[in-house]
Amino acid sequence: MNFTRTALLVALAVSAFAADPAVVTQAKKQIAEKKYDAAITALEAAAKTSPKSAEIKATLADALLAKADSIMFDDSLPPRTKYPDALRTYRKVLTVDKDNKKAQSNISTIEGIYRSMGRPVPE
């Protein structure tokens, strides 16, 4: 019985590990297709089942960063819409990758814009 339990645990661990590359591969494809929300949703779910997966976390940070950039640099969006949305998304990048220099830099830029206008920085 102990052997069966060990075999089952090993099988579950292998299947969980095998799922990571598929999720990451699909998410990278979605990021390339600019389907950021779909990639983020799948990666967040995968991160819950594999919280120690560095590859999932890195790809999630990439998806969030790509989404934030797409918002910030979308000329069709008015500043009052894009800056708060981009700021929230850049901050979310830092919850996944606290050392992400690009997110830190863009957060500083957006916060600086608000301060220079004498307006409160959005939360």
Protein backbone atom coordinates (compact mmCIF):
# COMPACT_ATOMS: atom_id res chain seq x y z
CA MET A 1 0.00 0.00 0.00
CA ASN A 2 2.84 2.38 0.80
CA PHE A 3 4.37 1.69 -2.62
CA THR A 4 1.04 2.50 -4.30
CA ARG A 5 0.76 5.79 -2.43
CA THR A 6 4.34 6.74 -3.37
CA ALA A 7 3.74 5.81 -7.00
CA LEU A 8 0.58 7.92 -7.04
CA LEU A 9 2.39 10.92 -5.55
CA VAL A 10 5.20 10.61 -8.08
CA ALA A 11 2.69 10.38 -10.91
CA LEU A 12 0.88 13.48 -9.69
CA ALA A 13 4.14 15.39 -9.36
CA VAL A 14 5.22 14.39 -12.86
CA SER A 15 1.87 15.34 -14.36
CA ALA A 16 1.94 18.72 -12.58
CA PHE A 17 5.45 19.35 -13.84
CA ALA A 18 4.45 18.29 -17.35
CA ALA A 19 1.57 20.78 -17.33
CA ASP A 20 3.86 23.75 -16.68
CA PRO A 21 5.58 23.77 -20.10
CA ALA A 22 2.24 23.47 -21.90
CA VAL A 23 0.74 26.38 -19.98
CA VAL A 24 3.84 28.50 -20.47
CA THR A 25 4.08 27.67 -24.18
CA GLN A 26 0.41 28.52 -24.73
CA ALA A 27 0.73 31.74 -22.70
CA LYS A 28 3.77 32.86 -24.69
CA LYS A 29 1.78 32.29 -27.88
CA GLN A 30 -1.10 34.34 -26.46
CA ILE A 31 1.28 37.14 -25.46
CA ALA A 32 2.68 37.22 -29.00
CA GLU A 33 -0.91 37.44 -30.28
CA LYS A 34 -1.59 40.28 -27.79
CA LYS A 35 -4.16 38.17 -25.93
CA TYR A 36 -2.79 39.32 -22.60
CA ASP A 37 -5.86 38.69 -20.44
CA ALA A 38 -6.13 35.06 -21.59
CA ALA A 39 -2.45 34.47 -20.89
CA ILE A 40 -2.66 36.15 -17.48
CA THR A 41 -5.73 34.15 -16.46
CA ALA A 42 -4.12 30.83 -17.41
CA LEU A 43 -0.81 31.71 -15.76
CA GLU A 44 -2.46 32.89 -12.54
CA ALA A 45 -4.33 29.58 -12.32
CA ALA A 46 -1.12 27.66 -13.03
CA ALA A 47 0.74 29.70 -10.39
CA LYS A 48 -1.83 28.61 -7.80
CA THR A 49 -1.20 24.94 -8.54
CA SER A 50 2.57 25.37 -9.00
CA PRO A 51 3.50 28.34 -6.79
CA LYS A 52 7.21 27.58 -6.91
CA SER A 53 7.48 27.44 -10.70
CA ALA A 54 9.95 30.14 -11.71
CA GLU A 55 8.99 29.71 -15.36
CA ILE A 56 5.31 30.36 -14.68
CA LYS A 57 6.12 33.41 -12.56
CA ALA A 58 8.49 34.82 -15.17
CA THR A 59 5.97 34.32 -17.96
CA LEU A 60 3.22 35.87 -15.83
CA ALA A 61 5.42 38.90 -15.20
CA ASP A 62 6.08 39.12 -18.96
CA ALA A 63 2.35 38.95 -19.73
CA LEU A 64 1.50 41.62 -17.17
CA LEU A 65 4.31 43.85 -18.39
CA ALA A 66 3.21 43.47 -22.01
CA LYS A 67 -0.37 44.33 -21.02
CA ALA A 68 0.75 47.38 -19.02
CA ASP A 69 2.91 48.58 -21.92
CA SER A 70 0.04 48.10 -24.37
CA ILE A 71 -2.16 50.27 -22.17
CA MET A 72 0.44 52.95 -21.48
CA PHE A 73 1.48 53.36 -25.10
CA ASP A 74 -2.00 53.14 -26.64
CA ASP A 75 -2.46 56.53 -28.28
CA SER A 76 -6.18 55.90 -28.72
CA LEU A 77 -6.73 55.94 -24.94
CA PRO A 78 -7.02 59.25 -23.11
CA PRO A 79 -4.44 59.85 -20.35
CA ARG A 80 -7.11 59.81 -17.63
CA THR A 81 -7.89 56.21 -18.63
CA LYS A 82 -4.56 54.74 -19.62
CA TYR A 83 -2.32 56.00 -16.83
CA PRO A 84 -4.34 54.61 -13.90
CA ASP A 85 -4.87 51.28 -15.69
CA ALA A 86 -1.22 50.99 -16.69
CA LEU A 87 -0.11 51.96 -13.18
CA ARG A 88 -2.25 49.23 -11.59
CA THR A 89 -0.91 46.66 -14.02
CA TYR A 90 2.73 47.70 -13.53
CA ARG A 91 2.19 47.39 -9.79
CA LYS A 92 0.82 43.90 -10.34
CA VAL A 93 4.02 43.03 -12.22
CA LEU A 94 5.92 43.88 -9.03
CA THR A 95 3.77 41.46 -7.01
CA VAL A 96 5.11 38.69 -9.23
CA ASP A 97 8.60 40.07 -9.93
CA LYS A 98 9.53 42.63 -7.27
CA ASP A 99 12.81 43.49 -9.01
CA ASN A 100 11.37 44.23 -12.46
CA LYS A 101 13.23 47.39 -13.50
CA LYS A 102 10.95 48.30 -16.39
CA ALA A 103 7.83 48.17 -14.21
CA GLN A 104 9.58 50.18 -11.49
CA SER A 105 10.69 52.78 -14.02
CA ASN A 106 7.26 53.12 -15.61
CA ILE A 107 5.58 53.38 -12.21
CA SER A 108 7.96 56.22 -11.36
CA THR A 109 7.20 57.91 -14.67
CA ILE A 110 3.43 57.74 -14.21
CA GLU A 111 3.61 58.84 -10.58
CA GLY A 112 5.87 61.72 -11.66
CA ILE A 113 3.31 62.83 -14.24
CA TYR A 114 0.60 62.98 -11.58
CA ARG A 115 2.85 64.84 -9.13
CA SER A 116 3.91 67.36 -11.77
CA MET A 117 0.23 68.13 -12.38
CA GLY A 118 -0.43 68.44 -8.65
CA ARG A 119 -2.89 65.56 -8.79
CA PRO A 120 -3.13 62.59 -6.41
CA VAL A 121 -1.44 59.41 -7.63
CA PRO A 122 -4.06 56.70 -8.31
CA GLU A 123 -4.02 53.68 -6.05
